[in-house]
Amino acid sequence: MAGVIDTYLAELDRRLAFDPALGARVRAEVEDHLHLAAEAETALPRADAEQRAVQRFGDANEIAARFARDALNAQAGRTWLALAATAGATFIAMRLRRMLLDTGAFDAVPFADFLDRYAFIAALVIGIGGWLIFRRQPHRALDRRFLPVEAAGTLGFVALLFSIAGGAVIALMAGRQFELPALTALLLEIAMAGWLATQVWRLQQRSRAAVKALKG
């Protein structure tokens, strides 16, 4: 028959099933702590000692929610980093185009120039706005806590794609899209945008799976 500690650990495993690596780490930490706490209750039978240790440690769902929030905060941090890095790569590519291409290349396709410049600015505004909203509401419920990150990451990704597309059209119209500096800048932008999309997707999947597991 499973003991009280084993039953408690099984409940933690179920609540953290959305992230097996996190669940394994939490189980190892909690298991050691609970067994040491139970062994310290020398005046009680083993079952009572385990029950006391579990009661003092706290509700399994609350503990799981705390660890889940920490893990999702880490993923949100990676998403913000990806958004900032993608914006930085796009800015560098924009400056390179300004340095390498003649002014006439930008005048020839004004709509592409507009996208290149103002879609980038829109991505910056979206990113900063989302970050401020996220920072101002640290105690929101888990099912709403990371919505600003997901929205800013998604909208920022779309805006940066428009900016990248505008820059690519300008280089194409100038006939210099295959020159090494221009091509390198474009590939860097695309790679960073792909990284951003991956981080946003991971946050969306993990946050929804965490909410579902913790409610189950």
N, C-alpha and C. Protein backbone atom coordinates (compact mmCIF):
# COMPACT_ATOMS: atom_id res chain seq x y z
N MET A 1 0.85 -1.20 0.00
CA MET A 1 0.00 0.00 0.00
C MET A 1 0.88 1.25 0.00
N ALA A 2 0.54 2.20 -0.81
CA ALA A 2 1.31 3.44 -0.90
C ALA A 2 1.17 4.24 0.38
N GLY A 3 2.28 4.82 0.80
CA GLY A 3 2.25 5.65 1.99
C GLY A 3 1.70 7.03 1.69
N VAL A 4 1.59 7.83 2.74
CA VAL A 4 1.05 9.18 2.59
C VAL A 4 1.95 10.03 1.69
N ILE A 5 3.25 9.89 1.88
CA ILE A 5 4.20 10.67 1.07
C ILE A 5 4.12 10.25 -0.38
N ASP A 6 4.05 8.94 -0.64
CA ASP A 6 3.96 8.45 -2.02
C ASP A 6 2.69 8.97 -2.70
N THR A 7 1.59 8.99 -1.95
CA THR A 7 0.33 9.50 -2.50
C THR A 7 0.44 10.98 -2.82
N TYR A 8 1.09 11.72 -1.93
CA TYR A 8 1.29 13.16 -2.14
C TYR A 8 2.16 13.41 -3.37
N LEU A 9 3.23 12.63 -3.51
CA LEU A 9 4.13 12.81 -4.66
C LEU A 9 3.43 12.45 -5.96
N ALA A 10 2.57 11.44 -5.93
CA ALA A 10 1.81 11.07 -7.13
C ALA A 10 0.88 12.20 -7.55
N GLU A 11 0.30 12.89 -6.57
CA GLU A 11 -0.56 14.03 -6.89
C GLU A 11 0.25 15.17 -7.51
N LEU A 12 1.44 15.42 -6.97
CA LEU A 12 2.31 16.43 -7.56
C LEU A 12 2.67 16.07 -9.00
N ASP A 13 2.99 14.79 -9.23
CA ASP A 13 3.31 14.33 -10.59
C ASP A 13 2.16 14.61 -11.53
N ARG A 14 0.95 14.35 -11.09
CA ARG A 14 -0.23 14.55 -11.95
C ARG A 14 -0.43 16.03 -12.25
N ARG A 15 -0.23 16.87 -11.25
CA ARG A 15 -0.42 18.30 -11.45
C ARG A 15 0.65 18.92 -12.35
N LEU A 16 1.84 18.33 -12.35
CA LEU A 16 2.95 18.87 -13.14
C LEU A 16 3.22 18.05 -14.40
N ALA A 17 2.24 17.27 -14.81
CA ALA A 17 2.43 16.40 -15.98
C ALA A 17 2.68 17.19 -17.26
N PHE A 18 2.31 18.47 -17.28
CA PHE A 18 2.52 19.29 -18.49
C PHE A 18 4.00 19.51 -18.77
N ASP A 19 4.87 19.29 -17.76
CA ASP A 19 6.31 19.49 -17.92
C ASP A 19 7.03 18.36 -17.18
N PRO A 20 7.28 17.22 -17.86
CA PRO A 20 7.89 16.07 -17.19
C PRO A 20 9.22 16.38 -16.52
N ALA A 21 10.06 17.22 -17.15
CA ALA A 21 11.35 17.55 -16.55
C ALA A 21 11.16 18.32 -15.25
N LEU A 22 10.24 19.27 -15.25
CA LEU A 22 9.94 20.02 -14.03
C LEU A 22 9.37 19.09 -12.98
N GLY A 23 8.44 18.21 -13.38
CA GLY A 23 7.84 17.28 -12.43
C GLY A 23 8.87 16.39 -11.77
N ALA A 24 9.84 15.90 -12.55
CA ALA A 24 10.88 15.02 -11.99
C ALA A 24 11.76 15.78 -11.00
N ARG A 25 12.09 17.02 -11.33
CA ARG A 25 12.93 17.82 -10.44
C ARG A 25 12.20 18.15 -9.14
N VAL A 26 10.93 18.54 -9.27
CA VAL A 26 10.15 18.87 -8.08
C VAL A 26 9.96 17.64 -7.21
N ARG A 27 9.68 16.51 -7.83
CA ARG A 27 9.48 15.28 -7.06
C ARG A 27 10.71 14.94 -6.24
N ALA A 28 11.89 15.06 -6.88
CA ALA A 28 13.13 14.72 -6.18
C ALA A 28 13.35 15.64 -4.97
N GLU A 29 13.11 16.93 -5.18
CA GLU A 29 13.31 17.89 -4.09
C GLU A 29 12.31 17.66 -2.96
N VAL A 30 11.05 17.51 -3.33
CA VAL A 30 10.00 17.36 -2.32
C VAL A 30 10.12 16.03 -1.59
N GLU A 31 10.44 14.98 -2.33
CA GLU A 31 10.55 13.65 -1.71
C GLU A 31 11.60 13.64 -0.62
N ASP A 32 12.77 14.20 -0.91
CA ASP A 32 13.83 14.25 0.10
C ASP A 32 13.39 15.04 1.32
N HIS A 33 12.76 16.18 1.08
CA HIS A 33 12.33 17.03 2.20
C HIS A 33 11.30 16.32 3.07
N LEU A 34 10.32 15.69 2.45
CA LEU A 34 9.25 15.05 3.21
C LEU A 34 9.76 13.86 4.02
N HIS A 35 10.63 13.07 3.42
CA HIS A 35 11.16 11.91 4.16
C HIS A 35 12.01 12.36 5.35
N LEU A 36 12.79 13.41 5.16
CA LEU A 36 13.58 13.92 6.29
C LEU A 36 12.67 14.46 7.38
N ALA A 37 11.60 15.16 6.97
CA ALA A 37 10.67 15.71 7.96
C ALA A 37 9.95 14.59 8.71
N ALA A 38 9.58 13.53 8.00
CA ALA A 38 8.90 12.40 8.66
C ALA A 38 9.83 11.67 9.61
N GLU A 39 11.08 11.52 9.21
CA GLU A 39 12.04 10.82 10.06
C GLU A 39 12.34 11.60 11.34
N ALA A 40 12.15 12.92 11.27
CA ALA A 40 12.39 13.74 12.46
C ALA A 40 11.29 13.57 13.51
N GLU A 41 10.13 13.07 13.10
CA GLU A 41 9.01 12.85 14.04
C GLU A 41 9.17 11.48 14.69
N THR A 42 10.17 11.33 15.52
CA THR A 42 10.51 10.02 16.11
C THR A 42 9.47 9.51 17.10
N ALA A 43 8.66 10.39 17.63
CA ALA A 43 7.68 9.96 18.64
C ALA A 43 6.40 9.43 18.01
N LEU A 44 6.27 9.55 16.69
CA LEU A 44 5.03 9.15 16.02
C LEU A 44 5.25 7.89 15.18
N PRO A 45 4.19 7.08 15.00
CA PRO A 45 4.27 5.97 14.04
C PRO A 45 4.57 6.53 12.64
N ARG A 46 5.13 5.67 11.77
CA ARG A 46 5.57 6.15 10.45
C ARG A 46 4.42 6.81 9.67
N ALA A 47 3.24 6.19 9.65
CA ALA A 47 2.12 6.76 8.89
C ALA A 47 1.75 8.13 9.42
N ASP A 48 1.71 8.27 10.76
CA ASP A 48 1.37 9.57 11.35
C ASP A 48 2.46 10.60 11.09
N ALA A 49 3.71 10.13 11.13
CA ALA A 49 4.84 11.04 10.86
C ALA A 49 4.78 11.56 9.42
N GLU A 50 4.46 10.70 8.47
CA GLU A 50 4.34 11.13 7.07
C GLU A 50 3.17 12.11 6.91
N GLN A 51 2.07 11.82 7.59
CA GLN A 51 0.91 12.71 7.52
C GLN A 51 1.26 14.09 8.05
N ARG A 52 1.99 14.14 9.17
CA ARG A 52 2.40 15.41 9.75
C ARG A 52 3.32 16.18 8.78
N ALA A 53 4.26 15.46 8.17
CA ALA A 53 5.20 16.09 7.24
C ALA A 53 4.47 16.68 6.03
N VAL A 54 3.50 15.94 5.51
CA VAL A 54 2.75 16.40 4.34
C VAL A 54 1.89 17.61 4.71
N GLN A 55 1.26 17.58 5.87
CA GLN A 55 0.42 18.70 6.29
C GLN A 55 1.23 19.96 6.46
N ARG A 56 2.43 19.84 7.00
CA ARG A 56 3.27 21.01 7.21
C ARG A 56 3.81 21.56 5.88
N PHE A 57 4.01 20.68 4.93
CA PHE A 57 4.59 21.11 3.66
C PHE A 57 3.60 21.94 2.84
N GLY A 58 2.32 21.55 2.87
CA GLY A 58 1.32 22.34 2.16
C GLY A 58 0.54 21.53 1.14
N ASP A 59 -0.55 22.12 0.67
CA ASP A 59 -1.42 21.47 -0.30
C ASP A 59 -0.67 21.21 -1.60
N ALA A 60 -0.86 20.01 -2.16
CA ALA A 60 -0.13 19.63 -3.38
C ALA A 60 -0.45 20.54 -4.55
N ASN A 61 -1.70 20.95 -4.68
CA ASN A 61 -2.08 21.79 -5.79
C ASN A 61 -1.43 23.18 -5.68
N GLU A 62 -1.36 23.71 -4.47
CA GLU A 62 -0.73 25.02 -4.28
C GLU A 62 0.77 24.95 -4.55
N ILE A 63 1.40 23.88 -4.10
CA ILE A 63 2.83 23.71 -4.36
C ILE A 63 3.09 23.57 -5.86
N ALA A 64 2.28 22.76 -6.53
CA ALA A 64 2.44 22.57 -7.97
C ALA A 64 2.22 23.88 -8.72
N ALA A 65 1.22 24.66 -8.29
CA ALA A 65 0.94 25.93 -8.95
C ALA A 65 2.11 26.89 -8.79
N ARG A 66 2.76 26.86 -7.64
CA ARG A 66 3.91 27.74 -7.42
C ARG A 66 5.06 27.37 -8.35
N PHE A 67 5.34 26.08 -8.45
CA PHE A 67 6.42 25.64 -9.35
C PHE A 67 6.05 25.90 -10.81
N ALA A 68 4.79 25.69 -11.16
CA ALA A 68 4.35 25.94 -12.54
C ALA A 68 4.50 27.41 -12.90
N ARG A 69 4.13 28.29 -11.98
CA ARG A 69 4.26 29.73 -12.24
C ARG A 69 5.73 30.11 -12.46
N ASP A 70 6.62 29.55 -11.64
CA ASP A 70 8.05 29.84 -11.79
C ASP A 70 8.55 29.37 -13.15
N ALA A 71 8.13 28.17 -13.56
CA ALA A 71 8.57 27.63 -14.85
C ALA A 71 8.04 28.46 -16.01
N LEU A 72 6.79 28.90 -15.91
CA LEU A 72 6.21 29.71 -16.98
C LEU A 72 6.81 31.11 -17.00
N ASN A 73 7.16 31.64 -15.84
CA ASN A 73 7.86 32.93 -15.81
C ASN A 73 9.19 32.84 -16.53
N ALA A 74 9.88 31.71 -16.36
CA ALA A 74 11.15 31.51 -17.06
C ALA A 74 10.93 31.46 -18.57
N GLN A 75 9.86 30.78 -19.02
CA GLN A 75 9.55 30.72 -20.44
C GLN A 75 9.14 32.09 -20.96
N ALA A 76 8.41 32.85 -20.15
CA ALA A 76 8.05 34.22 -20.55
C ALA A 76 9.30 35.07 -20.72
N GLY A 77 10.28 34.88 -19.84
CA GLY A 77 11.54 35.60 -19.97
C GLY A 77 12.25 35.28 -21.27
N ARG A 78 12.23 34.01 -21.65
CA ARG A 78 12.85 33.62 -22.93
C ARG A 78 12.10 34.23 -24.11
N THR A 79 10.78 34.36 -23.97
CA THR A 79 9.98 34.96 -25.04
C THR A 79 10.30 36.44 -25.19
N TRP A 80 10.40 37.16 -24.05
CA TRP A 80 10.78 38.57 -24.12
C TRP A 80 12.17 38.73 -24.73
N LEU A 81 13.09 37.85 -24.35
CA LEU A 81 14.44 37.91 -24.90
C LEU A 81 14.42 37.70 -26.41
N ALA A 82 13.64 36.73 -26.86
CA ALA A 82 13.54 36.47 -28.30
C ALA A 82 12.95 37.65 -29.04
N LEU A 83 11.93 38.29 -28.45
CA LEU A 83 11.32 39.46 -29.09
C LEU A 83 12.32 40.61 -29.19
N ALA A 84 13.05 40.85 -28.09
CA ALA A 84 14.03 41.93 -28.10
C ALA A 84 15.17 41.63 -29.09
N ALA A 85 15.64 40.39 -29.10
CA ALA A 85 16.73 40.03 -30.00
C ALA A 85 16.31 40.10 -31.46
N THR A 86 15.07 39.69 -31.75
CA THR A 86 14.57 39.76 -33.12
C THR A 86 14.43 41.21 -33.57
N ALA A 87 13.94 42.05 -32.67
CA ALA A 87 13.84 43.48 -32.99
C ALA A 87 15.24 44.07 -33.22
N GLY A 88 16.20 43.65 -32.40
CA GLY A 88 17.56 44.13 -32.58
C GLY A 88 18.16 43.70 -33.91
N ALA A 89 17.93 42.45 -34.29
CA ALA A 89 18.43 41.95 -35.57
C ALA A 89 17.78 42.70 -36.73
N THR A 90 16.49 42.97 -36.60
CA THR A 90 15.78 43.71 -37.65
C THR A 90 16.33 45.13 -37.78
N PHE A 91 16.60 45.76 -36.64
CA PHE A 91 17.15 47.12 -36.67
C PHE A 91 18.52 47.14 -37.35
N ILE A 92 19.37 46.16 -37.01
CA ILE A 92 20.70 46.09 -37.63
C ILE A 92 20.57 45.91 -39.14
N ALA A 93 19.64 45.05 -39.55
CA ALA A 93 19.43 44.82 -40.98
C ALA A 93 18.94 46.10 -41.67
N MET A 94 18.06 46.83 -41.00
CA MET A 94 17.58 48.10 -41.55
C MET A 94 18.73 49.08 -41.76
N ARG A 95 19.61 49.18 -40.76
CA ARG A 95 20.73 50.10 -40.87
C ARG A 95 21.69 49.68 -41.98
N LEU A 96 21.89 48.36 -42.12
CA LEU A 96 22.76 47.87 -43.19
C LEU A 96 22.19 48.24 -44.56
N ARG A 97 20.88 48.09 -44.70
CA ARG A 97 20.27 48.44 -45.99
C ARG A 97 20.45 49.93 -46.28
N ARG A 98 20.33 50.74 -45.26
CA ARG A 98 20.51 52.18 -45.46
C ARG A 98 21.94 52.51 -45.87
N MET A 99 22.87 51.75 -45.33
CA MET A 99 24.27 51.99 -45.66
C MET A 99 24.65 51.45 -47.04
N LEU A 100 24.07 50.30 -47.41
CA LEU A 100 24.52 49.60 -48.61
C LEU A 100 23.78 50.02 -49.88
N LEU A 101 22.51 50.39 -49.72
CA LEU A 101 21.68 50.65 -50.90
C LEU A 101 21.55 52.15 -51.17
N ASP A 102 21.41 52.46 -52.42
CA ASP A 102 21.21 53.85 -52.81
C ASP A 102 19.84 54.35 -52.33
N THR A 103 19.74 55.64 -52.13
CA THR A 103 18.47 56.23 -51.70
C THR A 103 17.36 55.94 -52.69
N GLY A 104 17.72 55.85 -53.98
CA GLY A 104 16.71 55.59 -55.00
C GLY A 104 16.02 54.26 -54.83
N ALA A 105 16.70 53.29 -54.22
CA ALA A 105 16.09 51.98 -54.00
C ALA A 105 14.91 52.09 -53.04
N PHE A 106 14.99 52.99 -52.08
CA PHE A 106 13.91 53.18 -51.12
C PHE A 106 12.79 54.02 -51.73
N ASP A 107 13.18 55.00 -52.55
CA ASP A 107 12.17 55.84 -53.20
C ASP A 107 11.38 55.07 -54.25
N ALA A 108 11.99 54.02 -54.83
CA ALA A 108 11.34 53.27 -55.91
C ALA A 108 10.17 52.44 -55.39
N VAL A 109 10.23 52.04 -54.14
CA VAL A 109 9.15 51.22 -53.55
C VAL A 109 8.76 51.84 -52.20
N PRO A 110 8.06 52.97 -52.23
CA PRO A 110 7.74 53.67 -50.97
C PRO A 110 6.92 52.84 -49.99
N PHE A 111 6.03 51.97 -50.53
CA PHE A 111 5.23 51.15 -49.60
C PHE A 111 6.11 50.17 -48.83
N ALA A 112 7.10 49.58 -49.54
CA ALA A 112 8.02 48.67 -48.87
C ALA A 112 8.87 49.41 -47.84
N ASP A 113 9.27 50.63 -48.18
CA ASP A 113 10.04 51.45 -47.24
C ASP A 113 9.20 51.78 -46.02
N PHE A 114 7.93 52.06 -46.25
CA PHE A 114 7.01 52.33 -45.13
C PHE A 114 6.92 51.12 -44.20
N LEU A 115 6.74 49.93 -44.78
CA LEU A 115 6.67 48.71 -43.98
C LEU A 115 7.97 48.47 -43.22
N ASP A 116 9.07 48.62 -43.92
CA ASP A 116 10.38 48.37 -43.32
C ASP A 116 10.56 49.21 -42.07
N ARG A 117 10.15 50.45 -42.14
CA ARG A 117 10.38 51.39 -41.04
C ARG A 117 9.30 51.30 -39.96
N TYR A 118 8.04 51.43 -40.38
CA TYR A 118 6.97 51.61 -39.39
C TYR A 118 6.44 50.30 -38.80
N ALA A 119 6.59 49.22 -39.53
CA ALA A 119 6.24 47.93 -38.92
C ALA A 119 7.22 47.60 -37.81
N PHE A 120 8.47 47.99 -38.00
CA PHE A 120 9.47 47.81 -36.94
C PHE A 120 9.12 48.65 -35.71
N ILE A 121 8.74 49.91 -35.94
CA ILE A 121 8.34 50.77 -34.83
C ILE A 121 7.12 50.19 -34.11
N ALA A 122 6.16 49.66 -34.89
CA ALA A 122 4.98 49.05 -34.29
C ALA A 122 5.37 47.87 -33.41
N ALA A 123 6.33 47.07 -33.86
CA ALA A 123 6.79 45.93 -33.06
C ALA A 123 7.40 46.40 -31.75
N LEU A 124 8.16 47.49 -31.79
CA LEU A 124 8.74 48.03 -30.57
C LEU A 124 7.66 48.49 -29.59
N VAL A 125 6.67 49.21 -30.11
CA VAL A 125 5.58 49.71 -29.26
C VAL A 125 4.81 48.55 -28.64
N ILE A 126 4.53 47.55 -29.45
CA ILE A 126 3.80 46.37 -28.96
C ILE A 126 4.60 45.67 -27.87
N GLY A 127 5.88 45.47 -28.12
CA GLY A 127 6.72 44.78 -27.15
C GLY A 127 6.82 45.52 -25.84
N ILE A 128 7.06 46.83 -25.90
CA ILE A 128 7.18 47.62 -24.67
C ILE A 128 5.85 47.68 -23.92
N GLY A 129 4.75 47.86 -24.67
CA GLY A 129 3.44 47.89 -24.03
C GLY A 129 3.09 46.58 -23.36
N GLY A 130 3.35 45.47 -24.05
CA GLY A 130 3.07 44.16 -23.45
C GLY A 130 3.90 43.92 -22.22
N TRP A 131 5.17 44.31 -22.27
CA TRP A 131 6.06 44.11 -21.13
C TRP A 131 5.59 44.91 -19.92
N LEU A 132 5.16 46.15 -20.14
CA LEU A 132 4.68 46.98 -19.03
C LEU A 132 3.42 46.40 -18.40
N ILE A 133 2.51 45.92 -19.24
CA ILE A 133 1.29 45.30 -18.71
C ILE A 133 1.64 44.06 -17.90
N PHE A 134 2.54 43.26 -18.42
CA PHE A 134 2.96 42.03 -17.74
C PHE A 134 3.59 42.35 -16.38
N ARG A 135 4.44 43.36 -16.34
CA ARG A 135 5.14 43.70 -15.10
C ARG A 135 4.21 44.32 -14.05
N ARG A 136 3.16 44.99 -14.50
CA ARG A 136 2.26 45.66 -13.57
C ARG A 136 1.23 44.72 -12.95
N GLN A 137 1.12 43.52 -13.45
CA GLN A 137 0.11 42.59 -12.94
C GLN A 137 0.74 41.24 -12.59
N PRO A 138 1.64 41.24 -11.61
CA PRO A 138 2.38 40.01 -11.30
C PRO A 138 1.54 38.92 -10.62
N HIS A 139 0.40 39.30 -10.06
CA HIS A 139 -0.38 38.33 -9.28
C HIS A 139 -1.66 37.89 -9.99
N ARG A 140 -1.73 38.08 -11.27
CA ARG A 140 -2.92 37.63 -12.02
C ARG A 140 -3.01 36.11 -11.96
N ALA A 141 -4.22 35.58 -12.08
CA ALA A 141 -4.43 34.13 -12.10
C ALA A 141 -3.62 33.52 -13.25
N LEU A 142 -3.22 32.28 -13.07
CA LEU A 142 -2.32 31.63 -14.02
C LEU A 142 -2.89 31.59 -15.42
N ASP A 143 -4.21 31.46 -15.56
CA ASP A 143 -4.79 31.36 -16.89
C ASP A 143 -4.82 32.70 -17.63
N ARG A 144 -4.51 33.81 -16.92
CA ARG A 144 -4.45 35.13 -17.56
C ARG A 144 -3.11 35.82 -17.42
N ARG A 145 -2.26 35.27 -16.59
CA ARG A 145 -0.97 35.90 -16.28
C ARG A 145 -0.11 36.13 -17.53
N PHE A 146 -0.09 35.17 -18.43
CA PHE A 146 0.86 35.22 -19.54
C PHE A 146 0.23 35.65 -20.87
N LEU A 147 -1.02 36.08 -20.81
CA LEU A 147 -1.67 36.56 -22.04
C LEU A 147 -0.97 37.78 -22.64
N PRO A 148 -0.50 38.75 -21.82
CA PRO A 148 0.22 39.88 -22.42
C PRO A 148 1.48 39.46 -23.15
N VAL A 149 2.17 38.45 -22.62
CA VAL A 149 3.39 37.97 -23.28
C VAL A 149 3.05 37.31 -24.61
N GLU A 150 2.02 36.47 -24.58
CA GLU A 150 1.61 35.78 -25.80
C GLU A 150 1.15 36.77 -26.86
N ALA A 151 0.34 37.76 -26.44
CA ALA A 151 -0.17 38.75 -27.39
C ALA A 151 0.95 39.60 -27.96
N ALA A 152 1.84 40.09 -27.09
CA ALA A 152 2.94 40.92 -27.56
C ALA A 152 3.88 40.13 -28.45
N GLY A 153 4.15 38.88 -28.07
CA GLY A 153 5.03 38.05 -28.89
C GLY A 153 4.44 37.77 -30.26
N THR A 154 3.15 37.47 -30.30
CA THR A 154 2.49 37.15 -31.57
C THR A 154 2.38 38.37 -32.46
N LEU A 155 1.88 39.48 -31.90
CA LEU A 155 1.72 40.70 -32.69
C LEU A 155 3.08 41.29 -33.09
N GLY A 156 4.04 41.20 -32.17
CA GLY A 156 5.37 41.68 -32.50
C GLY A 156 6.00 40.86 -33.61
N PHE A 157 5.78 39.56 -33.58
CA PHE A 157 6.28 38.67 -34.63
C PHE A 157 5.69 39.06 -35.99
N VAL A 158 4.37 39.29 -36.02
CA VAL A 158 3.71 39.66 -37.28
C VAL A 158 4.24 40.99 -37.80
N ALA A 159 4.38 41.97 -36.89
CA ALA A 159 4.88 43.28 -37.30
C ALA A 159 6.30 43.17 -37.84
N LEU A 160 7.14 42.39 -37.19
CA LEU A 160 8.52 42.23 -37.65
C LEU A 160 8.57 41.49 -38.99
N LEU A 161 7.65 40.56 -39.20
CA LEU A 161 7.59 39.90 -40.50
C LEU A 161 7.30 40.90 -41.62
N PHE A 162 6.38 41.83 -41.35
CA PHE A 162 6.09 42.88 -42.35
C PHE A 162 7.32 43.73 -42.60
N SER A 163 8.04 44.06 -41.52
CA SER A 163 9.25 44.86 -41.68
C SER A 163 10.30 44.11 -42.49
N ILE A 164 10.46 42.82 -42.19
CA ILE A 164 11.42 41.99 -42.92
C ILE A 164 11.04 41.90 -44.39
N ALA A 165 9.74 41.72 -44.64
CA ALA A 165 9.27 41.63 -46.02
C ALA A 165 9.52 42.94 -46.77
N GLY A 166 9.28 44.06 -46.10
CA GLY A 166 9.54 45.34 -46.74
C GLY A 166 11.00 45.51 -47.09
N GLY A 167 11.88 45.14 -46.19
CA GLY A 167 13.31 45.22 -46.47
C GLY A 167 13.74 44.30 -47.59
N ALA A 168 13.15 43.10 -47.63
CA ALA A 168 13.49 42.15 -48.69
C ALA A 168 13.08 42.68 -50.06
N VAL A 169 11.91 43.33 -50.12
CA VAL A 169 11.44 43.90 -51.39
C VAL A 169 12.37 45.02 -51.85
N ILE A 170 12.81 45.84 -50.91
CA ILE A 170 13.72 46.94 -51.26
C ILE A 170 15.02 46.39 -51.84
N ALA A 171 15.58 45.37 -51.17
CA ALA A 171 16.82 44.77 -51.67
C ALA A 171 16.60 44.12 -53.02
N LEU A 172 15.43 43.50 -53.20
CA LEU A 172 15.11 42.85 -54.47
C LEU A 172 15.01 43.88 -55.60
N MET A 173 14.31 44.96 -55.34
CA MET A 173 14.15 45.98 -56.36
C MET A 173 15.48 46.65 -56.70
N ALA A 174 16.40 46.68 -55.74
CA ALA A 174 17.72 47.26 -56.00
C ALA A 174 18.63 46.27 -56.72
N GLY A 175 18.18 45.00 -56.83
CA GLY A 175 18.98 43.99 -57.50
C GLY A 175 20.18 43.53 -56.70
N ARG A 176 20.13 43.69 -55.37
CA ARG A 176 21.29 43.35 -54.54
C ARG A 176 20.92 42.35 -53.44
N GLN A 177 19.82 41.63 -53.67
CA GLN A 177 19.34 40.71 -52.64
C GLN A 177 20.27 39.51 -52.41
N PHE A 178 21.11 39.20 -53.40
CA PHE A 178 21.99 38.05 -53.26
C PHE A 178 23.43 38.44 -52.90
N GLU A 179 23.66 39.72 -52.71
CA GLU A 179 24.98 40.13 -52.22
C GLU A 179 25.12 39.71 -50.76
N LEU A 180 26.32 39.34 -50.39
CA LEU A 180 26.53 38.71 -49.08
C LEU A 180 26.02 39.54 -47.90
N PRO A 181 26.31 40.83 -47.79
CA PRO A 181 25.81 41.58 -46.62
C PRO A 181 24.29 41.61 -46.54
N ALA A 182 23.65 41.90 -47.70
CA ALA A 182 22.18 41.98 -47.70
C ALA A 182 21.56 40.61 -47.42
N LEU A 183 22.12 39.57 -48.01
CA LEU A 183 21.58 38.22 -47.82
C LEU A 183 21.78 37.76 -46.37
N THR A 184 22.95 38.05 -45.82
CA THR A 184 23.23 37.67 -44.43
C THR A 184 22.25 38.36 -43.47
N ALA A 185 22.01 39.65 -43.71
CA ALA A 185 21.09 40.40 -42.85
C ALA A 185 19.69 39.81 -42.93
N LEU A 186 19.25 39.48 -44.14
CA LEU A 186 17.91 38.92 -44.31
C LEU A 186 17.78 37.57 -43.63
N LEU A 187 18.78 36.72 -43.81
CA LEU A 187 18.74 35.39 -43.19
C LEU A 187 18.77 35.49 -41.67
N LEU A 188 19.53 36.46 -41.15
CA LEU A 188 19.56 36.66 -39.70
C LEU A 188 18.18 37.07 -39.19
N GLU A 189 17.54 37.98 -39.89
CA GLU A 189 16.19 38.41 -39.50
C GLU A 189 15.23 37.23 -39.48
N ILE A 190 15.28 36.42 -40.53
CA ILE A 190 14.36 35.28 -40.64
C ILE A 190 14.62 34.27 -39.52
N ALA A 191 15.90 34.00 -39.25
CA ALA A 191 16.25 33.05 -38.19
C ALA A 191 15.77 33.53 -36.83
N MET A 192 15.95 34.80 -36.54
CA MET A 192 15.52 35.35 -35.26
C MET A 192 14.00 35.34 -35.15
N ALA A 193 13.31 35.64 -36.27
CA ALA A 193 11.85 35.60 -36.25
C ALA A 193 11.36 34.18 -35.98
N GLY A 194 12.05 33.18 -36.54
CA GLY A 194 11.69 31.79 -36.28
C GLY A 194 11.88 31.43 -34.82
N TRP A 195 12.96 31.92 -34.22
CA TRP A 195 13.20 31.68 -32.79
C TRP A 195 12.10 32.31 -31.94
N LEU A 196 11.72 33.53 -32.29
CA LEU A 196 10.63 34.20 -31.57
C LEU A 196 9.33 33.41 -31.67
N ALA A 197 8.99 32.96 -32.88
CA ALA A 197 7.76 32.18 -33.06
C ALA A 197 7.79 30.92 -32.22
N THR A 198 8.94 30.26 -32.15
CA THR A 198 9.08 29.04 -31.35
C THR A 198 8.84 29.32 -29.87
N GLN A 199 9.41 30.40 -29.35
CA GLN A 199 9.25 30.73 -27.94
C GLN A 199 7.81 31.09 -27.60
N VAL A 200 7.15 31.83 -28.49
CA VAL A 200 5.73 32.17 -28.26
C VAL A 200 4.89 30.90 -28.25
N TRP A 201 5.14 30.01 -29.20
CA TRP A 201 4.39 28.76 -29.27
C TRP A 201 4.60 27.91 -28.02
N ARG A 202 5.83 27.83 -27.55
CA ARG A 202 6.11 27.06 -26.34
C ARG A 202 5.39 27.64 -25.13
N LEU A 203 5.38 28.96 -25.02
CA LEU A 203 4.69 29.58 -23.89
C LEU A 203 3.20 29.30 -23.96
N GLN A 204 2.62 29.42 -25.14
CA GLN A 204 1.19 29.15 -25.30
C GLN A 204 0.86 27.72 -24.92
N GLN A 205 1.63 26.77 -25.42
CA GLN A 205 1.35 25.37 -25.15
C GLN A 205 1.54 25.03 -23.68
N ARG A 206 2.61 25.52 -23.09
CA ARG A 206 2.90 25.18 -21.69
C ARG A 206 1.92 25.84 -20.74
N SER A 207 1.54 27.09 -21.01
CA SER A 207 0.61 27.77 -20.09
C SER A 207 -0.75 27.11 -20.12
N ARG A 208 -1.23 26.73 -21.30
CA ARG A 208 -2.53 26.08 -21.39
C ARG A 208 -2.50 24.68 -20.77
N ALA A 209 -1.42 23.96 -20.99
CA ALA A 209 -1.31 22.63 -20.40
C ALA A 209 -1.20 22.73 -18.88
N ALA A 210 -0.50 23.76 -18.38
CA ALA A 210 -0.37 23.92 -16.93
C ALA A 210 -1.71 24.22 -16.30
N VAL A 211 -2.47 25.13 -16.89
CA VAL A 211 -3.79 25.48 -16.35
C VAL A 211 -4.69 24.24 -16.34
N LYS A 212 -4.67 23.47 -17.41
CA LYS A 212 -5.51 22.27 -17.48
C LYS A 212 -5.09 21.25 -16.43
N ALA A 213 -3.80 21.04 -16.25
CA ALA A 213 -3.32 20.05 -15.28
C ALA A 213 -3.64 20.47 -13.85
N LEU A 214 -3.50 21.76 -13.57
CA LEU A 214 -3.73 22.23 -12.20
C LEU A 214 -5.20 22.25 -11.84
N LYS A 215 -6.06 22.35 -12.84
CA LYS A 215 -7.51 22.32 -12.59
C LYS A 215 -8.04 20.91 -12.53
N GLY A 216 -7.27 19.95 -13.04
CA GLY A 216 -7.75 18.57 -13.14
C GLY A 216 -7.77 17.84 -11.80
